[in-house]
């Protein structure tokens, strides 16, 4: 009983701050998007038009741009070569819409240019899906069955999620770098206020990936602590 309370206390000490960081990052990005969604872009282009302009400037043909469902559902699908934008971005004519659309178009450019971290991330997707979905179950089932090996498999699988998220960071940072450069070079943003808005939205979005990685690493540390405690007791 005391051991359980000790481990539970460690969860709040180790993982708790990371959870707060993740929540703060989500609030930050939502706040930045909300603020800059109220500021019209001087180009007057919709997010779809911005994304198409970015792709055209990069010489990337054949990418279909279509609306997705739900807020913050913007993404690029490399398998179908489709760039999907949330309704607020697809039809939006705001600074936030331009920033997000250009960022997702940056992923399409990465794919066309075979950007190494993106290629590696795409390969790692199945492993990451296993790690985030099945691995924690295996870990705790292993603890319940007193099977160190099964728990260790779950631990390694969850560690793969951290590796995947680490690979994701340069992919996201590079896409934002490309977005800023193209928006500036093509005069899709022209004022200092627009540039400040683009930077605010893209920086806040990037921090959500950093926070997710920190949360996964801290959860992994907690799992290791549990496994070490169990193995010592056995």
C-alpha atoms as a PDB file:
ATOM      1  CA  UNK A   1       0.000   0.000   0.000  1.00  0.00           C
ATOM      2  CA  UNK A   2       2.793   2.413   0.892  1.00  0.00           C
ATOM      3  CA  UNK A   3       4.581   1.458  -2.327  1.00  0.00           C
ATOM      4  CA  UNK A   4       1.466   2.278  -4.338  1.00  0.00           C
ATOM      5  CA  UNK A   5       1.108   5.647  -2.658  1.00  0.00           C
ATOM      6  CA  UNK A   6       4.792   6.337  -3.285  1.00  0.00           C
ATOM      7  CA  UNK A   7       4.452   5.590  -6.973  1.00  0.00           C
ATOM      8  CA  UNK A   8       1.225   7.568  -7.235  1.00  0.00           C
ATOM      9  CA  UNK A   9       2.912  10.561  -5.610  1.00  0.00           C
ATOM     10  CA  UNK A  10       5.740  10.210  -8.109  1.00  0.00           C
ATOM     11  CA  UNK A  11       3.208  10.343 -10.936  1.00  0.00           C
ATOM     12  CA  UNK A  12       2.029  13.775  -9.833  1.00  0.00           C
ATOM     13  CA  UNK A  13       5.596  14.951  -9.228  1.00  0.00           C
ATOM     14  CA  UNK A  14       7.042  13.658 -12.504  1.00  0.00           C
ATOM     15  CA  UNK A  15       4.160  13.688 -14.984  1.00  0.00           C
ATOM     16  CA  UNK A  16       1.984  16.393 -13.429  1.00  0.00           C
ATOM     17  CA  UNK A  17       4.094  19.375 -14.552  1.00  0.00           C
ATOM     18  CA  UNK A  18       4.321  17.907 -18.060  1.00  0.00           C
ATOM     19  CA  UNK A  19       0.538  17.588 -18.198  1.00  0.00           C
ATOM     20  CA  UNK A  20       0.200  21.212 -17.155  1.00  0.00           C
ATOM     21  CA  UNK A  21       2.724  22.177 -19.830  1.00  0.00           C
ATOM     22  CA  UNK A  22       0.707  20.301 -22.466  1.00  0.00           C
ATOM     23  CA  UNK A  23      -2.523  21.969 -21.362  1.00  0.00           C
ATOM     24  CA  UNK A  24      -0.807  25.356 -21.372  1.00  0.00           C
ATOM     25  CA  UNK A  25       0.526  24.761 -24.890  1.00  0.00           C
ATOM     26  CA  UNK A  26      -2.950  23.863 -26.147  1.00  0.00           C
ATOM     27  CA  UNK A  27      -4.412  26.993 -24.587  1.00  0.00           C
ATOM     28  CA  UNK A  28      -1.573  29.046 -26.069  1.00  0.00           C
ATOM     29  CA  UNK A  29      -2.109  27.803 -29.626  1.00  0.00           C
ATOM     30  CA  UNK A  30      -5.885  28.169 -29.401  1.00  0.00           C
ATOM     31  CA  UNK A  31      -5.468  31.692 -28.067  1.00  0.00           C
ATOM     32  CA  UNK A  32      -3.010  32.650 -30.814  1.00  0.00           C
ATOM     33  CA  UNK A  33      -5.225  31.234 -33.526  1.00  0.00           C
ATOM     34  CA  UNK A  34      -8.314  32.921 -32.102  1.00  0.00           C
ATOM     35  CA  UNK A  35      -6.575  36.279 -31.882  1.00  0.00           C
ATOM     36  CA  UNK A  36      -5.078  36.246 -35.348  1.00  0.00           C
ATOM     37  CA  UNK A  37      -8.197  34.766 -36.918  1.00  0.00           C
ATOM     38  CA  UNK A  38      -9.760  38.141 -36.177  1.00  0.00           C
ATOM     39  CA  UNK A  39      -7.102  39.967 -38.218  1.00  0.00           C
ATOM     40  CA  UNK A  40      -7.705  39.923 -41.988  1.00  0.00           C
ATOM     41  CA  UNK A  41      -4.684  39.285 -44.177  1.00  0.00           C
ATOM     42  CA  UNK A  42      -3.834  42.154 -46.468  1.00  0.00           C
ATOM     43  CA  UNK A  43      -3.641  39.791 -49.464  1.00  0.00           C
ATOM     44  CA  UNK A  44      -7.324  38.930 -49.056  1.00  0.00           C
ATOM     45  CA  UNK A  45      -6.623  35.317 -50.077  1.00  0.00           C
ATOM     46  CA  UNK A  46      -8.300  32.341 -48.449  1.00  0.00           C
ATOM     47  CA  UNK A  47      -6.253  29.637 -46.776  1.00  0.00           C
ATOM     48  CA  UNK A  48      -6.836  27.380 -49.765  1.00  0.00           C
ATOM     49  CA  UNK A  49      -5.532  30.059 -52.126  1.00  0.00           C
ATOM     50  CA  UNK A  50      -2.502  30.691 -49.909  1.00  0.00           C
ATOM     51  CA  UNK A  51      -1.658  26.984 -49.824  1.00  0.00           C
ATOM     52  CA  UNK A  52      -2.006  26.755 -53.597  1.00  0.00           C
ATOM     53  CA  UNK A  53       0.205  29.805 -54.086  1.00  0.00           C
ATOM     54  CA  UNK A  54       2.878  28.301 -51.821  1.00  0.00           C
ATOM     55  CA  UNK A  55       2.795  25.016 -53.748  1.00  0.00           C
ATOM     56  CA  UNK A  56       2.926  26.820 -57.094  1.00  0.00           C
ATOM     57  CA  UNK A  57       5.892  28.926 -56.001  1.00  0.00           C
ATOM     58  CA  UNK A  58       7.710  25.759 -54.930  1.00  0.00           C
ATOM     59  CA  UNK A  59       6.866  24.025 -58.214  1.00  0.00           C
ATOM     60  CA  UNK A  60       4.892  21.231 -56.526  1.00  0.00           C
ATOM     61  CA  UNK A  61       2.060  20.018 -58.816  1.00  0.00           C
ATOM     62  CA  UNK A  62      -0.593  17.394 -58.182  1.00  0.00           C
ATOM     63  CA  UNK A  63      -1.415  18.148 -54.538  1.00  0.00           C
ATOM     64  CA  UNK A  64      -5.156  18.303 -53.951  1.00  0.00           C
ATOM     65  CA  UNK A  65      -6.360  20.851 -51.406  1.00  0.00           C
ATOM     66  CA  UNK A  66      -9.651  20.019 -49.737  1.00  0.00           C
ATOM     67  CA  UNK A  67     -11.601  20.944 -46.593  1.00  0.00           C
ATOM     68  CA  UNK A  68     -11.409  18.711 -43.528  1.00  0.00           C
ATOM     69  CA  UNK A  69     -13.763  18.458 -40.561  1.00  0.00           C
ATOM     70  CA  UNK A  70     -13.271  20.063 -37.180  1.00  0.00           C
ATOM     71  CA  UNK A  71     -11.123  22.820 -35.753  1.00  0.00           C
ATOM     72  CA  UNK A  72      -7.351  22.254 -35.821  1.00  0.00           C
ATOM     73  CA  UNK A  73      -7.805  19.292 -38.187  1.00  0.00           C
ATOM     74  CA  UNK A  74      -5.346  20.733 -40.700  1.00  0.00           C
ATOM     75  CA  UNK A  75      -2.844  18.187 -42.052  1.00  0.00           C
ATOM     76  CA  UNK A  76      -1.064  16.899 -45.125  1.00  0.00           C
ATOM     77  CA  UNK A  77      -1.643  13.274 -46.144  1.00  0.00           C
ATOM     78  CA  UNK A  78       1.501  12.031 -47.953  1.00  0.00           C
ATOM     79  CA  UNK A  79      -0.151   8.767 -49.032  1.00  0.00           C
ATOM     80  CA  UNK A  80      -2.902  10.486 -51.011  1.00  0.00           C
ATOM     81  CA  UNK A  81      -0.997  13.727 -51.630  1.00  0.00           C
ATOM     82  CA  UNK A  82      -3.886  15.692 -50.188  1.00  0.00           C
ATOM     83  CA  UNK A  83      -3.652  18.832 -48.113  1.00  0.00           C
ATOM     84  CA  UNK A  84      -6.664  19.037 -45.829  1.00  0.00           C
ATOM     85  CA  UNK A  85      -7.570  22.316 -44.162  1.00  0.00           C
ATOM     86  CA  UNK A  86     -10.149  22.928 -41.458  1.00  0.00           C
ATOM     87  CA  UNK A  87     -13.127  25.061 -42.568  1.00  0.00           C
ATOM     88  CA  UNK A  88     -11.816  28.075 -40.649  1.00  0.00           C
ATOM     89  CA  UNK A  89      -8.545  27.864 -42.571  1.00  0.00           C
ATOM     90  CA  UNK A  90      -9.829  26.643 -45.952  1.00  0.00           C
ATOM     91  CA  UNK A  91     -12.217  29.577 -46.387  1.00  0.00           C
ATOM     92  CA  UNK A  92     -10.586  31.952 -43.917  1.00  0.00           C
ATOM     93  CA  UNK A  93      -8.938  35.162 -45.064  1.00  0.00           C
ATOM     94  CA  UNK A  94      -7.116  35.874 -41.827  1.00  0.00           C
ATOM     95  CA  UNK A  95      -3.460  36.001 -40.804  1.00  0.00           C
ATOM     96  CA  UNK A  96      -3.952  32.777 -38.834  1.00  0.00           C
ATOM     97  CA  UNK A  97      -5.470  31.010 -41.848  1.00  0.00           C
ATOM     98  CA  UNK A  98      -2.552  32.079 -44.041  1.00  0.00           C
ATOM     99  CA  UNK A  99       0.008  30.876 -41.477  1.00  0.00           C
ATOM    100  CA  UNK A 100      -1.600  27.468 -40.989  1.00  0.00           C
ATOM    101  CA  UNK A 101      -2.222  26.906 -44.703  1.00  0.00           C
ATOM    102  CA  UNK A 102       1.371  27.796 -45.566  1.00  0.00           C
ATOM    103  CA  UNK A 103       2.672  25.504 -42.813  1.00  0.00           C
ATOM    104  CA  UNK A 104       0.712  22.519 -44.142  1.00  0.00           C
ATOM    105  CA  UNK A 105       1.837  23.323 -47.676  1.00  0.00           C
ATOM    106  CA  UNK A 106       5.361  23.215 -46.256  1.00  0.00           C
ATOM    107  CA  UNK A 107       4.789  19.542 -45.414  1.00  0.00           C
ATOM    108  CA  UNK A 108       3.758  18.878 -49.019  1.00  0.00           C
ATOM    109  CA  UNK A 109       6.984  20.519 -50.176  1.00  0.00           C
ATOM    110  CA  UNK A 110       8.971  18.370 -47.728  1.00  0.00           C
ATOM    111  CA  UNK A 111       7.313  15.264 -49.150  1.00  0.00           C
ATOM    112  CA  UNK A 112       8.020  16.256 -52.752  1.00  0.00           C
ATOM    113  CA  UNK A 113      11.643  17.021 -51.916  1.00  0.00           C
ATOM    114  CA  UNK A 114      12.040  13.811 -49.870  1.00  0.00           C
ATOM    115  CA  UNK A 115      12.977  15.687 -46.719  1.00  0.00           C
ATOM    116  CA  UNK A 116      14.770  13.020 -44.647  1.00  0.00           C
ATOM    117  CA  UNK A 117      13.113  13.588 -41.226  1.00  0.00           C
ATOM    118  CA  UNK A 118       9.660  13.458 -42.856  1.00  0.00           C
ATOM    119  CA  UNK A 119      10.545  10.234 -44.675  1.00  0.00           C
ATOM    120  CA  UNK A 120      11.750   8.757 -41.396  1.00  0.00           C
ATOM    121  CA  UNK A 121       8.627   9.886 -39.565  1.00  0.00           C
ATOM    122  CA  UNK A 122       6.361   8.334 -42.197  1.00  0.00           C
ATOM    123  CA  UNK A 123       8.195   5.021 -41.811  1.00  0.00           C
ATOM    124  CA  UNK A 124       7.840   5.203 -38.027  1.00  0.00           C
ATOM    125  CA  UNK A 125       4.075   5.868 -38.006  1.00  0.00           C
ATOM    126  CA  UNK A 126       2.985   2.202 -37.521  1.00  0.00           C
ATOM    127  CA  UNK A 127       5.432   1.766 -34.647  1.00  0.00           C
ATOM    128  CA  UNK A 128       4.218   4.990 -33.036  1.00  0.00           C
ATOM    129  CA  UNK A 129       0.582   3.883 -33.376  1.00  0.00           C
ATOM    130  CA  UNK A 130       1.432   0.616 -31.629  1.00  0.00           C
ATOM    131  CA  UNK A 131       3.389   2.453 -28.968  1.00  0.00           C
ATOM    132  CA  UNK A 132       0.626   4.921 -28.149  1.00  0.00           C
ATOM    133  CA  UNK A 133      -2.261   2.468 -28.307  1.00  0.00           C
ATOM    134  CA  UNK A 134      -1.126  -1.024 -27.342  1.00  0.00           C
ATOM    135  CA  UNK A 135       2.141  -0.523 -25.457  1.00  0.00           C
ATOM    136  CA  UNK A 136       0.674   1.031 -22.263  1.00  0.00           C
ATOM    137  CA  UNK A 137      -1.843  -1.818 -22.098  1.00  0.00           C
ATOM    138  CA  UNK A 138       0.925  -4.400 -22.429  1.00  0.00           C
ATOM    139  CA  UNK A 139       2.917  -2.615 -19.751  1.00  0.00           C
ATOM    140  CA  UNK A 140       0.177  -2.661 -17.129  1.00  0.00           C
ATOM    141  CA  UNK A 141      -1.006  -6.153 -18.072  1.00  0.00           C
ATOM    142  CA  UNK A 142       2.590  -7.262 -17.577  1.00  0.00           C
ATOM    143  CA  UNK A 143       2.569  -5.700 -14.120  1.00  0.00           C
ATOM    144  CA  UNK A 144      -0.733  -7.373 -13.233  1.00  0.00           C
ATOM    145  CA  UNK A 145       0.503 -10.765 -14.426  1.00  0.00           C
ATOM    146  CA  UNK A 146       3.856 -10.210 -12.763  1.00  0.00           C
ATOM    147  CA  UNK A 147       5.501 -10.654 -16.167  1.00  0.00           C
ATOM    148  CA  UNK A 148       8.604  -8.474 -16.323  1.00  0.00           C
ATOM    149  CA  UNK A 149       9.217  -9.306 -20.007  1.00  0.00           C
ATOM    150  CA  UNK A 150       5.702  -8.326 -21.084  1.00  0.00           C
ATOM    151  CA  UNK A 151       5.922  -5.067 -19.139  1.00  0.00           C
ATOM    152  CA  UNK A 152       9.328  -4.416 -20.705  1.00  0.00           C
ATOM    153  CA  UNK A 153       7.880  -4.890 -24.212  1.00  0.00           C
ATOM    154  CA  UNK A 154       5.222  -2.339 -23.347  1.00  0.00           C
ATOM    155  CA  UNK A 155       7.866   0.030 -21.999  1.00  0.00           C
ATOM    156  CA  UNK A 156       9.966  -0.248 -25.157  1.00  0.00           C
ATOM    157  CA  UNK A 157       6.881   0.245 -27.305  1.00  0.00           C
ATOM    158  CA  UNK A 158       5.996   3.411 -25.409  1.00  0.00           C
ATOM    159  CA  UNK A 159       9.588   4.620 -25.749  1.00  0.00           C
ATOM    160  CA  UNK A 160       9.077   4.399 -29.517  1.00  0.00           C
ATOM    161  CA  UNK A 161       6.422   7.099 -29.166  1.00  0.00           C
ATOM    162  CA  UNK A 162       9.010   9.447 -27.660  1.00  0.00           C
ATOM    163  CA  UNK A 163      11.399   8.696 -30.525  1.00  0.00           C
ATOM    164  CA  UNK A 164       8.618   9.388 -33.041  1.00  0.00           C
ATOM    165  CA  UNK A 165       7.777  12.694 -31.379  1.00  0.00           C
ATOM    166  CA  UNK A 166      11.458  13.631 -31.328  1.00  0.00           C
ATOM    167  CA  UNK A 167      11.660  13.001 -35.088  1.00  0.00           C
ATOM    168  CA  UNK A 168       8.514  15.097 -35.524  1.00  0.00           C
ATOM    169  CA  UNK A 169      10.099  18.243 -34.069  1.00  0.00           C
ATOM    170  CA  UNK A 170      12.471  19.041 -36.964  1.00  0.00           C
ATOM    171  CA  UNK A 171       9.668  18.201 -39.417  1.00  0.00           C
ATOM    172  CA  UNK A 172       7.339  20.749 -37.825  1.00  0.00           C
ATOM    173  CA  UNK A 173      10.011  23.405 -37.305  1.00  0.00           C
ATOM    174  CA  UNK A 174      11.171  23.071 -40.908  1.00  0.00           C
ATOM    175  CA  UNK A 175       7.610  23.333 -42.256  1.00  0.00           C
ATOM    176  CA  UNK A 176       7.126  26.542 -40.289  1.00  0.00           C
ATOM    177  CA  UNK A 177      10.457  27.886 -41.547  1.00  0.00           C
ATOM    178  CA  UNK A 178       9.389  27.198 -45.124  1.00  0.00           C
ATOM    179  CA  UNK A 179       6.003  28.806 -44.484  1.00  0.00           C
ATOM    180  CA  UNK A 180       7.532  31.998 -43.131  1.00  0.00           C
ATOM    181  CA  UNK A 181       9.989  32.239 -46.021  1.00  0.00           C
ATOM    182  CA  UNK A 182       7.422  31.705 -48.785  1.00  0.00           C
ATOM    183  CA  UNK A 183       4.848  34.027 -47.227  1.00  0.00           C
ATOM    184  CA  UNK A 184       7.481  36.734 -46.980  1.00  0.00           C
ATOM    185  CA  UNK A 185       9.146  36.180 -50.362  1.00  0.00           C
ATOM    186  CA  UNK A 186       5.854  36.102 -52.290  1.00  0.00           C
ATOM    187  CA  UNK A 187       4.441  39.137 -50.470  1.00  0.00           C
ATOM    188  CA  UNK A 188       1.545  37.100 -49.094  1.00  0.00           C
ATOM    189  CA  UNK A 189       2.331  38.911 -45.871  1.00  0.00           C
ATOM    190  CA  UNK A 190       3.554  42.461 -46.214  1.00  0.00           C
ATOM    191  CA  UNK A 191       3.205  44.264 -42.893  1.00  0.00           C
ATOM    192  CA  UNK A 192       5.097  43.880 -39.650  1.00  0.00           C
ATOM    193  CA  UNK A 193       1.801  43.172 -37.896  1.00  0.00           C
ATOM    194  CA  UNK A 194       1.045  40.274 -40.243  1.00  0.00           C
ATOM    195  CA  UNK A 195       4.527  38.847 -39.783  1.00  0.00           C
ATOM    196  CA  UNK A 196       4.131  39.084 -36.012  1.00  0.00           C
ATOM    197  CA  UNK A 197       0.837  37.207 -36.272  1.00  0.00           C
ATOM    198  CA  UNK A 198       2.303  34.455 -38.444  1.00  0.00           C
ATOM    199  CA  UNK A 199       5.191  34.026 -36.020  1.00  0.00           C
ATOM    200  CA  UNK A 200       2.824  33.923 -33.040  1.00  0.00           C
ATOM    201  CA  UNK A 201       0.617  31.218 -34.574  1.00  0.00           C
ATOM    202  CA  UNK A 202       3.468  29.044 -35.834  1.00  0.00           C
ATOM    203  CA  UNK A 203       5.492  29.349 -32.622  1.00  0.00           C
ATOM    204  CA  UNK A 204       2.496  28.423 -30.470  1.00  0.00           C
ATOM    205  CA  UNK A 205       1.739  25.437 -32.703  1.00  0.00           C
ATOM    206  CA  UNK A 206       5.338  24.239 -32.494  1.00  0.00           C
ATOM    207  CA  UNK A 207       5.256  24.381 -28.715  1.00  0.00           C
ATOM    208  CA  UNK A 208       2.401  21.856 -28.641  1.00  0.00           C
ATOM    209  CA  UNK A 209       4.777  19.296 -30.170  1.00  0.00           C
ATOM    210  CA  UNK A 210       7.490  20.158 -27.657  1.00  0.00           C
ATOM    211  CA  UNK A 211       5.018  19.829 -24.785  1.00  0.00           C
ATOM    212  CA  UNK A 212       3.777  16.469 -26.111  1.00  0.00           C
ATOM    213  CA  UNK A 213       7.339  15.157 -26.218  1.00  0.00           C
ATOM    214  CA  UNK A 214       8.035  16.329 -22.674  1.00  0.00           C
ATOM    215  CA  UNK A 215       4.840  14.669 -21.462  1.00  0.00           C
ATOM    216  CA  UNK A 216       5.747  11.376 -23.139  1.00  0.00           C
ATOM    217  CA  UNK A 217       9.285  11.421 -21.750  1.00  0.00           C
ATOM    218  CA  UNK A 218       8.064  12.130 -18.222  1.00  0.00           C
ATOM    219  CA  UNK A 219       5.458   9.365 -18.489  1.00  0.00           C
ATOM    220  CA  UNK A 220       8.203   7.037 -19.689  1.00  0.00           C
ATOM    221  CA  UNK A 221      10.318   7.958 -16.663  1.00  0.00           C
ATOM    222  CA  UNK A 222       7.364   7.140 -14.424  1.00  0.00           C
ATOM    223  CA  UNK A 223       6.918   3.749 -16.128  1.00  0.00           C
ATOM    224  CA  UNK A 224      10.606   2.982 -15.611  1.00  0.00           C
ATOM    225  CA  UNK A 225      10.261   3.870 -11.937  1.00  0.00           C
ATOM    226  CA  UNK A 226       7.322   1.485 -11.572  1.00  0.00           C
ATOM    227  CA  UNK A 227       9.153  -1.340 -13.322  1.00  0.00           C
ATOM    228  CA  UNK A 228      12.279  -0.834 -11.240  1.00  0.00           C
ATOM    229  CA  UNK A 229      10.256  -0.849  -8.038  1.00  0.00           C
ATOM    230  CA  UNK A 230       8.459  -4.036  -9.057  1.00  0.00           C
ATOM    231  CA  UNK A 231      11.659  -5.834 -10.066  1.00  0.00           C
ATOM    232  CA  UNK A 232      13.344  -4.942  -6.775  1.00  0.00           C
ATOM    233  CA  UNK A 233      10.379  -6.218  -4.834  1.00  0.00           C
ATOM    234  CA  UNK A 234      10.449  -9.491  -6.795  1.00  0.00           C
END
